[in-house]
Structures are given as C-alpha cells and as structure tokens.
Amino acid sequence: MSHTALIPSHRKPRRNASKTALRAGVAGGVLSTIAVAGAAGPAHAEPVTQTIEMPTITAGLSTTVAASAEATQQVALDLETQAHEDAAATTAAKAAKKAKAEAVRKDEAKKKAEAAAKAKAEAAERASRTAERTTLSAPSGSSASGSSVSTASAPVSSSATGSAASVVAFVQAQVGDAYVPGGTGPNSWDCSGLVQAAFRTVGVDLPRVSQSQSTAGTQVGLGNLQPGDILYWGSAGSAYHVGVYVGGGQFVGAQNSSTGVVQRPLDYDMPTGAVRIL
C-alpha cells in the first residue's frame, strides 16, 4: 500500500463545542457552591448534641383547650352551687318540720290547759252553788237541838226492797261523813266512791268514776225513778257528779268538802238524768 494512502485514525472524534461548554459551566457552578458553603461554615464546627423541638400547638388549638378548661371550671362551679342549694333546702325542710311539731305540741298543751281551766271553773261554780244552797236551807231545816234537816226528813220509800234497799241503807248510813276528793271510805268519800261502795255491798262492781257510772245501766227518766237508781249531773258519759236516789223525792250524795255526805230533796240540785242498775 502506498504510504500516502488514508489510514483510519484511532482518535476519538471531537465533541461538539457547545456541549463541552455547557458541561464545563455546570461543573464550575457546583464547585463554586461547595466552595461558598465551606467558606460560610465555621472553621471548627462542633457536633450537634441537643435536639430542639419546634412548637406543634397552633393558636387555634390553644384557644380550644382554654375554652374547654373554662367550661370544665363552670361545670364544677354549677355542681358546687347546686350542692349548696340542696343542703340549704334540706336544712329548711328540717326546720319547718320541727317548727310544725312544736306548733302542734303547743296547740295540744293549750287545749289541755283550757280544758283543765274549764273543769276547774265548773267545779268551783258547783261548789259555790252547793255551799250557797246549804247556807240558805240550814236555818229552816234546823231543830232546837241543832240537828240537820237533811237526815230528819229522809224516809226510805216503802217500795225499796231487796238489793235496792241495801244500797239505800248503805248510803244513808254514810250521811255526815267527810267529802274528800278520791275518797273511797270508810269514813270519807267522793261522789263516785260512795256510789261504787254502795253497789259493791250487793255484789255489783261499778266503774270508779262518775263519767262511766252515768252509762253503767239503763237510762231512766227523772219522772220514773226508783230507790237505788243512780242520779247523775252533766251529760251521760261525761257526768261530773253522781248520787243515789233513796225514794221520797230525795237523794244521798257526797257533795263537797263543805257539806260532806248529805241527803237532799231533788229540787235542791236537780239531776240531769238517771240510770238503773238493779
């Protein structure tokens, strides 16, 4: 082959000039950035030893939390207020109940006092009336020897027989005995004590007080009396005085502390009613 012949070249073909320039520019820019970063950093940078946490609660979340806390506090205040109101209501109810009970107690005490005062006044009136009648009748009923008319003009009715006669005889035998409240003999009596003792002699056990004795038998009219009937003053069931009818329009009774046990005509102190036991 001729030495002038074309021999293929082993060199790489030249790159396009524009591409080469572009690559050079990019590389240069990268190197410049690295150089600037290195120059801006401290010559001797210390390793990071602390982590700083950035706040994560936003303003909106803080507002919500604050509102929730305020609502919770308000609920607590409301509950406390309600508790105070309930306690006050309970205390007021107890006070009202106590006041009502006290008012009832005072009212009952007042009624009892009024009833006692009324009974005392009635007893005083009866005693006064009896004493007055005794005084008025004494002069006309006294004899020269000073004996009382109460026993002198008190014949037992001839119709008194059997148990009735025994009752009549007993009460007449006690005329002149003393009157003592609560007395049941043998020498002092109250009205119902004398009546009870008289009927006990014939085997009849009567109640102790005049109220009960006034309903112990069959009610009879004052125009149909028989010896041995129990006379009472006041209403049946609430009588304040009792005596025994002995016949002849007269009765025997333990009247009061001034007169003791006496025999008197019915019109001396007309009874209210009568009951028949025998």
Protein backbone atom coordinates (compact mmCIF):
# COMPACT_ATOMS: atom_id res chain seq x y z
CA MET A 1 0.00 0.00 0.00
CA SER A 2 1.16 3.44 -0.78
CA HIS A 3 2.36 5.48 2.13
CA THR A 4 0.05 8.15 1.05
CA ALA A 5 -2.96 6.03 1.47
CA LEU A 6 -5.56 7.06 4.08
CA ILE A 7 -5.17 5.21 7.40
CA PRO A 8 -8.10 5.22 9.76
CA SER A 9 -7.43 7.37 12.81
CA HIS A 10 -7.78 5.95 16.36
CA ARG A 11 -8.55 9.29 17.97
CA LYS A 12 -11.97 9.98 19.37
CA PRO A 13 -13.88 12.44 17.37
CA ARG A 14 -14.04 15.93 18.80
CA ARG A 15 -17.07 16.78 20.77
CA ASN A 16 -19.32 19.44 19.81
CA ALA A 17 -18.04 22.71 21.17
CA SER A 18 -21.39 23.82 22.60
CA LYS A 19 -21.87 20.65 24.66
CA THR A 20 -18.40 20.93 26.05
CA ALA A 21 -19.00 24.49 27.16
CA LEU A 22 -22.31 23.55 28.85
CA ARG A 23 -20.72 20.78 30.84
CA ALA A 24 -17.91 22.96 31.93
CA GLY A 25 -20.37 25.57 33.16
CA VAL A 26 -22.36 23.08 35.24
CA ALA A 27 -19.27 21.66 36.85
CA GLY A 28 -17.99 25.07 37.64
CA GLY A 29 -21.24 26.08 39.26
CA VAL A 30 -21.26 23.03 41.50
CA LEU A 31 -17.72 23.61 42.59
CA SER A 32 -18.44 27.27 43.28
CA THR A 33 -21.40 26.35 45.50
CA ILE A 34 -19.32 23.90 47.51
CA ALA A 35 -16.62 26.47 47.93
CA VAL A 36 -19.03 29.15 49.11
CA ALA A 37 -20.69 26.73 51.63
CA GLY A 38 -17.33 25.76 53.03
CA ALA A 39 -16.29 29.35 53.40
CA ALA A 40 -19.57 30.29 55.18
CA GLY A 41 -19.35 27.46 57.75
CA PRO A 42 -17.19 27.73 60.88
CA ALA A 43 -13.67 26.57 60.62
CA HIS A 44 -14.14 24.18 63.50
CA ALA A 45 -17.82 23.14 63.61
CA GLU A 46 -18.91 21.32 66.78
CA PRO A 47 -21.06 18.24 66.57
CA VAL A 48 -24.80 18.67 67.37
CA THR A 49 -25.53 17.48 70.92
CA GLN A 50 -29.12 18.85 71.52
CA THR A 51 -32.31 18.42 69.62
CA ILE A 52 -34.59 21.44 69.55
CA GLU A 53 -38.27 20.59 69.24
CA MET A 54 -40.37 23.05 67.40
CA PRO A 55 -43.77 24.03 68.85
CA THR A 56 -46.57 21.90 67.48
CA ILE A 57 -49.66 23.60 69.17
CA THR A 58 -51.18 26.08 66.89
CA ALA A 59 -53.02 29.19 68.03
CA GLY A 60 -56.38 27.62 67.17
CA LEU A 61 -55.70 24.53 69.29
CA SER A 62 -54.65 26.69 72.26
CA THR A 63 -57.93 28.57 72.09
CA THR A 64 -59.91 25.30 72.08
CA VAL A 65 -58.04 23.96 75.11
CA ALA A 66 -58.61 27.19 77.00
CA ALA A 67 -62.31 27.12 76.21
CA SER A 68 -62.57 23.50 77.37
CA ALA A 69 -60.85 24.32 80.67
CA GLU A 70 -63.20 27.24 81.22
CA ALA A 71 -66.24 25.03 80.53
CA THR A 72 -64.98 22.39 82.99
CA GLN A 73 -64.49 25.04 85.65
CA GLN A 74 -68.01 26.36 85.04
CA VAL A 75 -69.49 22.86 85.42
CA ALA A 76 -67.64 22.45 88.71
CA LEU A 77 -68.99 25.78 89.94
CA ASP A 78 -72.51 24.81 88.90
CA LEU A 79 -72.26 21.50 90.78
CA GLU A 80 -70.97 23.22 93.88
CA THR A 81 -73.77 25.78 93.74
CA GLN A 82 -76.36 23.01 93.34
CA ALA A 83 -74.88 21.15 96.33
CA HIS A 84 -75.19 24.30 98.48
CA GLU A 85 -78.79 24.80 97.34
CA ASP A 86 -79.69 21.18 98.12
CA ALA A 87 -78.12 21.44 101.58
CA ALA A 88 -79.99 24.68 102.25
CA ALA A 89 -83.27 23.11 101.12
CA THR A 90 -82.73 20.09 103.40
CA THR A 91 -81.96 22.33 106.37
CA ALA A 92 -85.03 24.45 105.68
CA ALA A 93 -87.25 21.35 105.44
CA LYS A 94 -85.96 20.03 108.77
CA ALA A 95 -86.52 23.40 110.41
CA ALA A 96 -90.06 23.60 109.02
CA LYS A 97 -90.86 20.08 110.27
CA LYS A 98 -89.51 20.91 113.73
CA ALA A 99 -91.47 24.16 113.84
CA LYS A 100 -94.67 22.36 112.83
CA ALA A 101 -94.20 19.71 115.52
CA GLU A 102 -93.58 22.42 118.11
CA ALA A 103 -96.71 24.29 116.99
CA VAL A 104 -98.78 21.10 117.30
CA ARG A 105 -97.36 20.43 120.75
CA LYS A 106 -98.14 23.97 121.91
CA ASP A 107 -101.65 23.74 120.49
CA GLU A 108 -102.31 20.48 122.33
CA ALA A 109 -100.89 21.93 125.55
CA LYS A 110 -103.11 24.98 125.12
CA LYS A 111 -106.20 22.82 124.60
CA LYS A 112 -105.38 20.74 127.68
CA ALA A 113 -104.85 23.88 129.75
CA GLU A 114 -108.15 25.33 128.55
CA ALA A 115 -109.97 22.08 129.32
CA ALA A 116 -108.43 21.95 132.80
CA ALA A 117 -109.32 25.59 133.44
CA LYS A 118 -112.88 24.98 132.29
CA ALA A 119 -113.24 21.90 134.51
CA LYS A 120 -111.82 23.83 137.45
CA ALA A 121 -114.20 26.71 136.85
CA GLU A 122 -117.16 24.35 136.65
CA ALA A 123 -116.11 22.61 139.83
CA ALA A 124 -115.74 25.95 141.61
CA GLU A 125 -119.16 27.02 140.37
CA ARG A 126 -120.76 23.79 141.56
CA ALA A 127 -119.09 24.09 144.96
CA SER A 128 -120.20 27.69 145.28
CA ARG A 129 -123.78 26.84 144.30
CA THR A 130 -123.90 23.92 146.70
CA ALA A 131 -122.46 25.95 149.55
CA GLU A 132 -124.93 28.75 148.91
CA ARG A 133 -127.90 26.39 148.88
CA THR A 134 -126.68 24.72 152.05
CA THR A 135 -126.43 28.08 153.77
CA LEU A 136 -129.88 29.14 152.63
CA SER A 137 -131.56 25.92 153.68
CA ALA A 138 -129.81 25.50 157.04
CA PRO A 139 -131.95 27.89 159.14
CA SER A 140 -135.27 26.46 158.02
CA GLY A 141 -134.09 22.91 158.37
CA SER A 142 -132.57 23.08 161.84
CA SER A 143 -134.35 21.98 165.02
CA ALA A 144 -133.90 23.33 168.51
CA SER A 145 -131.37 20.62 169.20
CA GLY A 146 -129.32 21.68 166.16
CA SER A 147 -129.85 18.54 164.13
CA SER A 148 -129.87 18.87 160.35
CA VAL A 149 -132.98 18.50 158.23
CA SER A 150 -131.05 16.53 155.65
CA THR A 151 -131.40 13.32 157.60
CA ALA A 152 -134.54 14.06 159.57
CA SER A 153 -136.82 14.29 156.54
CA ALA A 154 -135.45 11.44 154.55
CA PRO A 155 -137.66 8.40 154.92
CA VAL A 156 -136.84 5.44 152.75
CA SER A 157 -139.58 4.66 150.31
CA SER A 158 -141.58 1.61 151.19
CA SER A 159 -141.05 0.37 147.68
CA ALA A 160 -137.32 -0.18 148.37
CA THR A 161 -136.79 -3.90 148.66
CA GLY A 162 -134.06 -6.43 148.16
CA SER A 163 -130.77 -5.15 146.76
CA ALA A 164 -132.12 -1.64 146.22
CA ALA A 165 -132.99 -1.41 149.91
CA SER A 166 -129.46 -2.49 150.83
CA VAL A 167 -127.94 0.20 148.58
CA VAL A 168 -130.22 2.86 150.07
CA ALA A 169 -129.41 1.77 153.60
CA PHE A 170 -125.69 1.91 152.93
CA VAL A 171 -125.61 5.45 151.54
CA GLN A 172 -127.89 6.76 154.27
CA ALA A 173 -125.57 5.25 156.84
CA GLN A 174 -122.73 7.39 155.47
CA VAL A 175 -124.57 10.71 155.80
CA GLY A 176 -122.35 13.06 157.81
CA ASP A 177 -119.07 11.52 156.61
CA ALA A 178 -116.44 13.84 155.17
CA TYR A 179 -116.06 14.62 151.48
CA VAL A 180 -112.51 14.03 150.22
CA PRO A 181 -111.58 14.05 146.53
CA GLY A 182 -110.66 10.48 145.59
CA GLY A 183 -112.10 9.15 148.85
CA THR A 184 -113.43 5.58 148.87
CA GLY A 185 -114.29 5.18 152.57
CA PRO A 186 -114.81 4.03 155.12
CA ASN A 187 -115.24 7.49 156.70
CA SER A 188 -114.56 9.84 153.79
CA TRP A 189 -115.81 9.75 150.23
CA ASP A 190 -116.09 11.45 146.92
CA CYS A 191 -119.35 11.16 144.96
CA SER A 192 -118.43 8.19 142.76
CA GLY A 193 -116.50 6.44 145.55
CA LEU A 194 -119.67 6.41 147.69
CA VAL A 195 -121.85 5.08 144.85
CA GLN A 196 -119.33 2.38 143.95
CA ALA A 197 -119.06 1.20 147.58
CA ALA A 198 -122.87 1.12 147.96
CA PHE A 199 -123.37 -1.17 144.97
CA ARG A 200 -120.43 -3.34 145.96
CA THR A 201 -122.43 -4.37 149.05
CA VAL A 202 -124.88 -6.14 146.75
CA GLY A 203 -122.24 -7.69 144.51
CA VAL A 204 -122.31 -5.12 141.71
CA ASP A 205 -118.88 -3.86 140.63
CA LEU A 206 -119.32 -0.38 139.14
CA PRO A 207 -116.69 1.73 137.36
CA ARG A 208 -114.78 4.09 139.65
CA VAL A 209 -115.57 7.48 138.09
CA SER A 210 -118.82 9.37 137.59
CA GLN A 211 -118.46 9.60 133.80
CA SER A 212 -118.52 5.81 133.48
CA GLN A 213 -121.14 5.29 136.18
CA SER A 214 -123.56 7.57 134.27
CA THR A 215 -123.71 4.99 131.46
CA ALA A 216 -123.37 1.80 133.52
CA GLY A 217 -127.06 0.88 133.45
CA THR A 218 -130.32 1.58 131.65
CA GLN A 219 -131.23 5.22 131.23
CA VAL A 220 -134.49 6.15 133.03
CA GLY A 221 -136.48 9.38 133.17
CA LEU A 222 -136.49 11.53 136.28
CA GLY A 223 -140.25 11.06 136.45
CA ASN A 224 -139.88 7.28 136.74
CA LEU A 225 -137.25 6.98 139.47
CA GLN A 226 -136.99 4.03 141.88
CA PRO A 227 -134.92 3.75 145.06
CA GLY A 228 -131.41 2.59 144.22
CA ASP A 229 -131.24 4.40 140.85
CA ILE A 230 -128.01 6.30 140.18
CA LEU A 231 -128.53 10.01 139.57
CA TYR A 232 -126.02 11.99 137.56
CA TRP A 233 -125.32 15.65 136.85
CA GLY A 234 -123.95 16.61 133.44
CA SER A 235 -124.41 14.58 130.28
CA ALA A 236 -124.33 10.79 130.13
CA GLY A 237 -120.75 9.67 129.59
CA SER A 238 -119.30 12.97 130.81
CA ALA A 239 -121.11 13.44 134.15
CA TYR A 240 -119.28 15.46 136.79
CA HIS A 241 -121.33 14.27 139.82
CA VAL A 242 -123.39 11.24 140.90
CA GLY A 243 -125.65 10.26 143.80
CA VAL A 244 -128.22 7.61 144.78
CA TYR A 245 -131.97 8.13 144.74
CA VAL A 246 -133.35 6.90 148.09
CA GLY A 247 -137.09 7.45 147.48
CA GLY A 248 -139.48 10.10 148.71
CA GLY A 249 -138.08 12.62 146.18
CA GLN A 250 -134.67 12.64 147.89
CA PHE A 251 -131.11 11.55 147.15
CA VAL A 252 -127.91 10.91 149.07
CA GLY A 253 -124.55 12.05 147.72
CA ALA A 254 -121.08 13.11 148.72
CA GLN A 255 -121.49 16.74 147.67
CA ASN A 256 -118.38 18.75 148.53
CA SER A 257 -115.83 19.42 151.24
CA SER A 258 -118.16 21.93 152.93
CA THR A 259 -121.16 19.65 153.35
CA GLY A 260 -119.71 16.14 153.19
CA VAL A 261 -122.20 13.31 152.57
CA VAL A 262 -125.76 14.67 152.74
CA GLN A 263 -129.35 13.74 151.97
CA ARG A 264 -131.25 16.36 149.98
CA PRO A 265 -134.50 16.79 148.03
CA LEU A 266 -134.13 16.55 144.25
CA ASP A 267 -135.10 20.18 143.75
CA TYR A 268 -132.12 21.21 145.86
CA ASP A 269 -129.93 20.41 142.87
CA MET A 270 -131.96 18.79 140.12
CA PRO A 271 -130.00 15.98 138.43
CA THR A 272 -129.66 15.71 134.67
CA GLY A 273 -130.54 12.05 134.33
CA ALA A 274 -130.51 8.61 135.94
CA VAL A 275 -129.52 5.02 135.25
CA ARG A 276 -130.95 1.84 136.74
CA ILE A 277 -128.60 -0.97 137.72
CA LEU A 278 -130.86 -3.18 139.86
